[in-house]
Amino acid sequence: MSIDIADRVRRHGFKRLLLAVSGGLDSICLAHYFIENREALGIEWLGIAHVHHGLREGTADRDAAFVEAFAKSRGILFFLKKLDGDALKVAEGSLEENARDARYKALFEIAENGLLRRGAPRNDVRTAIVTAHHAGDQAETMYMRLRRGTTLAGVRGIQKVREICNVKCGTWNENSYITHYTSHITHFIYRPLLNTTQAELLAYARENGLEWCEDESNADVKFARNFTRHKALPHLEETCPGATRQLCRIAELADRAYAKVLEKCEGLFASALCKETLRHGSTELTNRAQSDTFIDNGLLRSARNDVQLNKKALRKVFLAHADTDLSELFRLWLSEQGLRFPIGFFYAPREPAHVKIPHHAVYRKRSIAKMGQSIRICEFCTPDEAQKFVSCGMKEKGL
């Protein structure tokens, strides 16, 4: 496989890896490579996780058993998480997105608890959750995003390394149940196969005599990604040979440019941050403003992420760039703080630099409230908590 795994693992300092293995060709190749090269890569801890979505009868149990046998035959710790398939089906939104979000949540829980079980320090270990996304997945993602419309961030496609902070994790009790709490450990999602094609993976599997499972749901074209994989992209490749490679290249170039954009954003908006700001899920405030008394009901302490901005300092930035539309840069900067809002949420043509910040607003689990000389933007665990936070702020101000 033409992959730069070794250099990237060493560059990022990953020492403890949790491999997400479904049992398919891609993930089995991924697991085999890391197991075989464990010492050469300097890996201190290695585990295999399998998420059972509860959406397929029979074959899902087969896949879980196959991955468990694969792990145990090679002396690797195995973790299984079963999800509530019925709940995923009736939840708001698409089944694909619900399953994906639940899967990553489960992987975060497993990664955290896998380290706890091994007695590893929680604050000084660079842990990576490793997934088997490959070049075909990257091309599919790019095609789907470009077709429906996307932003500069979206054109980056799937990122090779993604940092995740302030995730919901839990502890295992003696009955193997999870008791949830909010953890502030930093995890990384690492996707080392993004430059590797399906053909290269197949050749690797055959060369090493590997077996894998076929997920029949991957052939169901009623799902958007499967339709793209089996219908749309093959047609595009037929009419425009090399399109798949070009989509992957565009994503790589956009990712490089995005780093420069974020550097500019930080230079613009970081000066407006208040000392009271909770960045990346810290649980303590410093110099809490006396006027924010309504926060003492515990709402702010339950926030997963909180950014506090000085209104005067922020307006000074906007006025200094009054001839420039900063709304998208501001939105991207907030997104990097873990506070994502939709396109146009901060856009107003009559405002300085075209940026409009609502006095009190809620978007899903995120809230915005202007309080005194500051603007507080928070993310909570539920939409109700976000709404309550804004409502308390309005009540405090007599609105």
Protein backbone atom coordinates (compact mmCIF):
# COMPACT_ATOMS: atom_id res chain seq x y z
CA MET A 1 0.00 0.00 0.00
CA SER A 2 1.36 3.42 -0.95
CA ILE A 3 0.77 5.02 2.43
CA ASP A 4 2.93 7.27 4.61
CA ILE A 5 1.74 5.80 7.89
CA ALA A 6 5.09 5.56 9.66
CA ASP A 7 6.16 9.17 9.10
CA ARG A 8 2.76 10.58 10.03
CA VAL A 9 2.43 8.52 13.21
CA ARG A 10 5.87 9.66 14.34
CA ARG A 11 5.20 13.28 13.33
CA HIS A 12 2.05 13.49 15.42
CA GLY A 13 3.46 11.52 18.31
CA PHE A 14 0.67 8.94 18.39
CA LYS A 15 1.55 6.28 20.93
CA ARG A 16 -1.82 4.74 21.74
CA LEU A 17 -4.15 3.74 18.93
CA LEU A 18 -7.69 2.41 18.86
CA LEU A 19 -8.40 0.84 15.48
CA ALA A 20 -12.02 1.06 14.28
CA VAL A 21 -12.59 -2.26 12.53
CA SER A 22 -15.87 -3.16 10.87
CA GLY A 23 -14.62 -6.42 9.40
CA GLY A 24 -14.63 -5.20 5.80
CA LEU A 25 -11.67 -5.23 3.43
CA ASP A 26 -10.51 -1.70 4.27
CA SER A 27 -10.48 -2.01 8.05
CA ILE A 28 -8.98 -5.51 8.07
CA CYS A 29 -6.07 -4.24 5.95
CA LEU A 30 -5.70 -1.30 8.32
CA ALA A 31 -5.66 -3.52 11.40
CA HIS A 32 -3.23 -6.01 9.88
CA TYR A 33 -0.78 -3.26 8.91
CA PHE A 34 -0.69 -1.70 12.38
CA ILE A 35 -0.44 -5.03 14.17
CA GLU A 36 2.41 -6.19 11.95
CA ASN A 37 4.28 -2.88 12.26
CA ARG A 38 3.47 -2.10 15.87
CA GLU A 39 7.04 -2.05 17.17
CA ALA A 40 8.44 -0.22 14.17
CA LEU A 41 5.83 2.51 14.63
CA GLY A 42 6.59 2.88 18.34
CA ILE A 43 3.02 2.11 19.43
CA GLU A 44 2.69 1.59 23.19
CA TRP A 45 -0.97 0.58 23.30
CA LEU A 46 -3.16 -0.92 20.59
CA GLY A 47 -6.79 -1.90 20.68
CA ILE A 48 -9.47 -2.92 18.19
CA ALA A 49 -13.01 -1.57 18.48
CA HIS A 50 -16.11 -2.80 16.69
CA VAL A 51 -19.41 -0.90 16.74
CA HIS A 52 -22.54 -3.01 16.26
CA HIS A 53 -25.20 -0.58 14.99
CA GLY A 54 -28.13 -2.94 15.61
CA LEU A 55 -29.41 -2.30 12.09
CA ARG A 56 -28.78 -5.67 10.43
CA GLU A 57 -29.99 -9.03 11.65
CA GLY A 58 -27.66 -12.00 11.49
CA THR A 59 -24.76 -10.60 9.49
CA ALA A 60 -24.04 -7.84 12.02
CA ASP A 61 -23.52 -10.48 14.72
CA ARG A 62 -21.35 -12.41 12.28
CA ASP A 63 -19.17 -9.34 11.64
CA ALA A 64 -18.75 -8.66 15.36
CA ALA A 65 -17.71 -12.25 16.02
CA PHE A 66 -15.31 -12.18 13.06
CA VAL A 67 -13.55 -9.01 14.27
CA GLU A 68 -13.35 -10.33 17.82
CA ALA A 69 -11.74 -13.56 16.59
CA PHE A 70 -9.34 -11.55 14.39
CA ALA A 71 -8.24 -9.44 17.37
CA LYS A 72 -7.90 -12.27 19.87
CA SER A 73 -5.96 -14.48 17.44
CA ARG A 74 -3.33 -11.73 17.33
CA GLY A 75 -3.35 -10.92 21.03
CA ILE A 76 -4.97 -7.48 20.62
CA LEU A 77 -7.46 -5.99 23.09
CA PHE A 78 -10.99 -6.10 21.67
CA PHE A 79 -13.86 -3.72 22.50
CA LEU A 80 -17.45 -4.14 21.37
CA LYS A 81 -20.14 -1.48 21.59
CA LYS A 82 -23.75 -2.29 20.65
CA LEU A 83 -26.04 0.56 19.62
CA ASP A 84 -29.82 0.83 19.69
CA GLY A 85 -30.73 0.35 16.03
CA ASP A 86 -34.42 1.11 16.56
CA ALA A 87 -33.55 4.46 18.18
CA LEU A 88 -31.27 5.33 15.27
CA LYS A 89 -34.06 4.64 12.78
CA VAL A 90 -36.63 6.91 14.46
CA ALA A 91 -34.23 9.73 15.39
CA GLU A 92 -34.50 13.05 13.59
CA GLY A 93 -32.25 13.35 10.53
CA SER A 94 -30.91 10.77 8.11
CA LEU A 95 -30.12 7.24 9.24
CA GLU A 96 -26.64 7.50 7.72
CA GLU A 97 -25.78 10.59 9.76
CA ASN A 98 -27.33 9.24 12.95
CA ALA A 99 -25.38 6.00 12.65
CA ARG A 100 -22.14 7.85 11.93
CA ASP A 101 -22.52 10.22 14.89
CA ALA A 102 -23.41 7.37 17.23
CA ARG A 103 -20.47 5.34 15.96
CA TYR A 104 -17.94 8.09 16.69
CA LYS A 105 -19.45 8.71 20.10
CA ALA A 106 -19.05 5.01 20.88
CA LEU A 107 -15.45 5.05 19.66
CA PHE A 108 -14.63 8.02 21.90
CA GLU A 109 -16.10 6.17 24.87
CA ILE A 110 -14.12 3.04 24.05
CA ALA A 111 -10.88 4.98 23.55
CA GLU A 112 -11.27 6.74 26.88
CA ASN A 113 -12.19 3.63 28.81
CA GLY A 114 -9.60 1.49 27.12
CA LEU A 115 -6.95 3.79 28.51
CA LEU A 116 -8.58 3.90 31.94
CA ARG A 117 -8.61 0.13 32.11
CA ARG A 118 -4.89 0.07 31.35
CA GLY A 119 -4.18 2.65 34.02
CA ALA A 120 -2.76 5.15 31.54
CA PRO A 121 -2.62 8.85 32.50
CA ARG A 122 -5.53 10.71 30.94
CA ASN A 123 -3.87 14.08 30.45
CA ASP A 124 -0.54 13.31 28.81
CA VAL A 125 -1.30 10.59 26.26
CA ARG A 126 -1.75 11.29 22.57
CA THR A 127 -4.50 8.86 21.65
CA ALA A 128 -5.72 8.39 18.09
CA ILE A 129 -8.84 6.66 16.87
CA VAL A 130 -7.78 5.18 13.54
CA THR A 131 -10.33 4.63 10.76
CA ALA A 132 -9.96 2.99 7.35
CA HIS A 133 -11.28 5.77 5.11
CA HIS A 134 -9.49 5.48 1.75
CA ALA A 135 -9.22 7.38 -1.54
CA GLY A 136 -12.60 6.13 -2.72
CA ASP A 137 -14.28 7.49 0.43
CA GLN A 138 -12.55 10.83 -0.08
CA ALA A 139 -13.75 11.08 -3.69
CA GLU A 140 -17.31 10.16 -2.67
CA THR A 141 -17.33 12.80 0.05
CA MET A 142 -16.03 15.48 -2.29
CA TYR A 143 -18.53 14.58 -5.01
CA MET A 144 -21.48 14.67 -2.59
CA ARG A 145 -20.44 17.97 -1.03
CA LEU A 146 -19.80 19.71 -4.34
CA ARG A 147 -23.08 18.47 -5.73
CA ARG A 148 -25.20 19.81 -2.87
CA GLY A 149 -23.06 22.90 -2.23
CA THR A 150 -20.35 23.41 0.36
CA THR A 151 -18.02 25.93 1.98
CA LEU A 152 -14.24 26.30 2.01
CA ALA A 153 -14.14 23.98 5.01
CA GLY A 154 -16.21 21.39 3.14
CA VAL A 155 -13.91 21.38 0.12
CA ARG A 156 -11.19 19.99 2.39
CA GLY A 157 -13.02 16.68 2.25
CA ILE A 158 -12.13 14.08 4.87
CA GLN A 159 -9.17 15.22 6.96
CA LYS A 160 -6.28 12.88 7.60
CA VAL A 161 -5.96 14.04 11.19
CA ARG A 162 -8.73 15.69 13.15
CA GLU A 163 -8.52 16.90 16.73
CA ILE A 164 -11.55 16.29 18.93
CA CYS A 165 -11.89 17.99 22.32
CA ASN A 166 -14.50 17.84 25.07
CA VAL A 167 -16.24 14.66 23.98
CA LYS A 168 -18.85 12.72 25.93
CA CYS A 169 -17.23 9.68 27.50
CA GLY A 170 -17.84 7.31 30.37
CA THR A 171 -16.52 4.75 32.83
CA TRP A 172 -17.11 1.03 32.91
CA ASN A 173 -18.53 -0.54 36.04
CA GLU A 174 -18.21 -4.14 37.13
CA ASN A 175 -21.25 -5.10 35.04
CA SER A 176 -19.72 -3.64 31.84
CA TYR A 177 -22.24 -0.80 31.70
CA ILE A 178 -21.20 2.76 30.96
CA THR A 179 -21.82 5.62 33.37
CA HIS A 180 -21.53 8.85 31.38
CA TYR A 181 -19.67 11.99 32.28
CA THR A 182 -18.13 14.81 30.25
CA SER A 183 -14.44 14.26 29.58
CA HIS A 184 -12.05 16.98 28.45
CA ILE A 185 -9.32 14.73 27.14
CA THR A 186 -8.16 15.43 23.60
CA HIS A 187 -8.49 12.64 21.05
CA PHE A 188 -7.41 12.52 17.43
CA ILE A 189 -9.13 10.83 14.53
CA TYR A 190 -6.44 9.55 12.20
CA ARG A 191 -7.16 8.31 8.66
CA PRO A 192 -3.91 7.01 7.19
CA LEU A 193 -5.39 5.38 4.05
CA LEU A 194 -6.83 8.46 2.35
CA ASN A 195 -4.26 8.22 -0.45
CA THR A 196 -4.76 4.48 -0.87
CA THR A 197 -7.09 3.12 -3.53
CA GLN A 198 -9.46 0.19 -3.20
CA ALA A 199 -7.35 -1.72 -5.73
CA GLU A 200 -4.24 -1.26 -3.58
CA LEU A 201 -6.09 -2.49 -0.51
CA LEU A 202 -7.30 -5.56 -2.37
CA ALA A 203 -3.76 -6.32 -3.52
CA TYR A 204 -2.48 -5.96 0.06
CA ALA A 205 -5.17 -8.33 1.38
CA ARG A 206 -4.36 -10.96 -1.21
CA GLU A 207 -0.63 -10.63 -0.65
CA ASN A 208 -1.08 -11.25 3.08
CA GLY A 209 -3.79 -13.90 2.79
CA LEU A 210 -6.40 -11.84 4.63
CA GLU A 211 -10.11 -12.64 4.88
CA TRP A 212 -12.87 -10.11 5.44
CA CYS A 213 -16.65 -9.74 5.65
CA GLU A 214 -18.95 -8.16 3.07
CA ASP A 215 -21.62 -5.82 4.44
CA GLU A 216 -24.67 -6.29 2.23
CA SER A 217 -26.04 -2.87 3.21
CA ASN A 218 -23.13 -1.26 1.33
CA ALA A 219 -24.79 -2.34 -1.92
CA ASP A 220 -28.14 -0.68 -1.12
CA VAL A 221 -28.24 2.37 -3.42
CA LYS A 222 -31.15 3.95 -1.55
CA PHE A 223 -28.46 5.41 0.72
CA ALA A 224 -26.85 8.53 -0.76
CA ARG A 225 -23.26 7.41 -0.29
CA ASN A 226 -23.90 3.97 -1.79
CA PHE A 227 -25.58 5.57 -4.80
CA THR A 228 -22.56 7.83 -5.24
CA ARG A 229 -20.19 4.87 -4.89
CA HIS A 230 -21.93 2.45 -7.24
CA LYS A 231 -23.66 4.78 -9.72
CA ALA A 232 -22.58 8.42 -9.78
CA LEU A 233 -18.80 8.16 -9.43
CA PRO A 234 -18.38 5.25 -11.87
CA HIS A 235 -20.35 7.27 -14.44
CA LEU A 236 -18.18 10.34 -13.75
CA GLU A 237 -15.01 8.27 -14.03
CA GLU A 238 -16.24 6.80 -17.32
CA THR A 239 -16.88 10.21 -18.86
CA CYS A 240 -13.93 11.95 -17.16
CA PRO A 241 -11.11 9.44 -16.57
CA GLY A 242 -9.05 10.32 -13.51
CA ALA A 243 -11.89 12.27 -11.84
CA THR A 244 -11.56 10.29 -8.61
CA ARG A 245 -7.89 11.16 -8.27
CA GLN A 246 -8.59 14.81 -9.07
CA LEU A 247 -11.27 15.03 -6.38
CA CYS A 248 -8.78 13.69 -3.84
CA ARG A 249 -6.16 16.18 -5.03
CA ILE A 250 -8.57 19.11 -4.72
CA ALA A 251 -9.30 18.10 -1.13
CA GLU A 252 -5.59 17.94 -0.32
CA LEU A 253 -4.90 21.37 -1.83
CA ALA A 254 -7.91 22.91 -0.08
CA ASP A 255 -6.76 21.49 3.25
CA ARG A 256 -3.38 23.20 2.86
CA ALA A 257 -4.99 26.53 1.96
CA TYR A 258 -7.44 26.24 4.84
CA ALA A 259 -4.60 26.25 7.35
CA LYS A 260 -3.56 29.68 6.06
CA VAL A 261 -7.14 30.94 6.28
CA LEU A 262 -7.40 29.82 9.90
CA GLU A 263 -4.12 31.53 10.69
CA LYS A 264 -5.60 34.77 9.34
CA CYS A 265 -8.81 34.23 11.34
CA GLU A 266 -6.86 33.75 14.55
CA GLY A 267 -4.96 36.93 13.92
CA LEU A 268 -8.21 38.84 13.45
CA PHE A 269 -10.45 37.55 16.24
CA ALA A 270 -8.24 36.19 19.02
CA SER A 271 -7.63 39.74 20.29
CA ALA A 272 -11.34 39.99 21.16
CA LEU A 273 -11.31 36.97 23.47
CA CYS A 274 -12.05 37.67 27.12
CA LYS A 275 -10.05 36.13 29.94
CA GLU A 276 -13.24 34.41 31.11
CA THR A 277 -13.39 32.37 27.90
CA LEU A 278 -13.64 28.60 28.17
CA ARG A 279 -11.75 27.30 25.15
CA HIS A 280 -11.93 23.63 24.23
CA GLY A 281 -14.09 22.56 27.11
CA SER A 282 -12.27 23.81 30.19
CA THR A 283 -14.48 23.47 33.25
CA GLU A 284 -13.27 26.51 35.23
CA LEU A 285 -13.74 30.24 34.68
CA THR A 286 -11.29 32.97 35.70
CA ASN A 287 -12.33 36.52 36.58
CA ARG A 288 -16.02 35.75 36.18
CA ALA A 289 -18.00 38.92 35.53
CA GLN A 290 -20.17 39.92 38.50
CA SER A 291 -23.02 40.92 36.16
CA ASP A 292 -23.43 37.37 34.90
CA THR A 293 -25.24 36.26 38.07
CA PHE A 294 -27.82 34.18 36.19
CA ILE A 295 -25.00 31.84 35.20
CA ASP A 296 -24.67 30.68 38.80
CA ASN A 297 -27.61 28.30 38.36
CA GLY A 298 -25.10 25.84 36.92
CA LEU A 299 -25.99 26.30 33.26
CA LEU A 300 -22.62 27.67 32.24
CA ARG A 301 -20.82 25.02 34.23
CA SER A 302 -22.70 22.42 32.18
CA ALA A 303 -21.51 23.96 28.91
CA ARG A 304 -19.27 21.73 26.85
CA ASN A 305 -17.60 24.72 25.19
CA ASP A 306 -17.76 28.44 25.80
CA VAL A 307 -16.22 31.39 23.95
CA GLN A 308 -16.58 34.87 25.46
CA LEU A 309 -15.80 37.95 23.34
CA ASN A 310 -15.42 41.60 24.28
CA LYS A 311 -17.99 43.56 22.24
CA LYS A 312 -15.87 46.70 21.93
CA ALA A 313 -12.76 44.81 20.88
CA LEU A 314 -14.73 42.76 18.36
CA ARG A 315 -16.42 45.82 16.88
CA LYS A 316 -13.00 47.45 16.58
CA VAL A 317 -11.91 44.52 14.41
CA PHE A 318 -15.03 44.82 12.24
CA LEU A 319 -14.62 48.59 11.78
CA ALA A 320 -10.97 48.15 10.83
CA HIS A 321 -12.16 45.92 7.97
CA ALA A 322 -15.40 47.72 7.13
CA ASP A 323 -14.86 47.25 3.40
CA THR A 324 -14.38 43.49 3.74
CA ASP A 325 -16.92 40.73 4.34
CA LEU A 326 -15.65 39.02 7.48
CA SER A 327 -18.81 37.01 8.18
CA GLU A 328 -17.51 33.75 6.71
CA LEU A 329 -14.11 34.15 8.37
CA PHE A 330 -15.81 34.76 11.71
CA ARG A 331 -18.01 31.70 11.23
CA LEU A 332 -14.99 29.53 10.31
CA TRP A 333 -13.07 30.79 13.33
CA LEU A 334 -15.93 29.93 15.67
CA SER A 335 -16.22 26.54 14.03
CA GLU A 336 -12.59 25.86 14.91
CA GLN A 337 -13.46 26.69 18.53
CA GLY A 338 -16.01 23.87 18.35
CA LEU A 339 -18.99 26.19 17.80
CA ARG A 340 -20.38 25.49 14.34
CA PHE A 341 -23.14 27.60 12.81
CA PRO A 342 -24.73 27.49 9.34
CA ILE A 343 -23.75 29.68 6.40
CA GLY A 344 -25.25 33.15 6.63
CA PHE A 345 -25.91 32.99 10.38
CA PHE A 346 -23.68 36.03 10.96
CA TYR A 347 -24.23 37.82 7.65
CA ALA A 348 -25.90 41.25 7.40
CA PRO A 349 -25.09 43.60 4.50
CA ARG A 350 -25.63 46.78 6.58
CA GLU A 351 -23.33 45.85 9.45
CA PRO A 352 -19.60 46.73 9.58
CA ALA A 353 -17.67 44.08 7.67
CA HIS A 354 -21.04 42.41 6.98
CA VAL A 355 -21.04 40.64 10.36
CA LYS A 356 -24.21 40.55 12.43
CA ILE A 357 -24.19 38.86 15.83
CA PRO A 358 -27.67 38.21 17.27
CA HIS A 359 -28.44 39.54 20.77
CA HIS A 360 -29.91 36.18 21.81
CA ALA A 361 -30.08 33.17 19.51
CA VAL A 362 -30.10 29.38 19.63
CA TYR A 363 -28.94 26.97 16.94
CA ARG A 364 -29.40 23.34 17.92
CA LYS A 365 -27.22 22.88 21.03
CA ARG A 366 -25.40 26.19 20.62
CA SER A 367 -26.44 29.56 21.99
CA ILE A 368 -25.43 33.20 21.67
CA ALA A 369 -26.13 35.82 24.33
CA LYS A 370 -24.96 39.43 24.56
CA MET A 371 -24.43 40.27 28.22
CA GLY A 372 -23.11 43.66 29.28
CA GLN A 373 -19.85 44.27 27.47
CA SER A 374 -19.41 40.67 26.33
CA ILE A 375 -20.78 38.16 23.86
CA ARG A 376 -21.01 34.59 25.13
CA ILE A 377 -21.26 31.72 22.66
CA CYS A 378 -21.75 28.30 24.24
CA GLU A 379 -22.41 24.70 23.33
CA PHE A 380 -24.45 22.50 25.65
CA CYS A 381 -25.23 18.81 25.72
CA THR A 382 -28.88 19.30 24.69
CA PRO A 383 -30.93 21.91 22.74
CA ASP A 384 -33.06 22.48 25.86
CA GLU A 385 -30.02 23.55 27.87
CA ALA A 386 -29.00 25.96 25.11
CA GLN A 387 -32.49 27.46 25.02
CA LYS A 388 -32.62 27.75 28.81
CA PHE A 389 -29.28 29.54 28.88
CA VAL A 390 -30.49 32.16 26.41
CA SER A 391 -33.86 32.49 28.18
CA CYS A 392 -32.11 33.11 31.52
CA GLY A 393 -29.95 35.78 29.90
CA MET A 394 -32.99 37.55 28.43
CA LYS A 395 -34.79 37.40 31.77
CA GLU A 396 -31.74 38.78 33.59
CA LYS A 397 -31.62 41.71 31.18
CA GLY A 398 -35.37 42.30 31.39
CA LEU A 399 -36.08 41.30 27.79
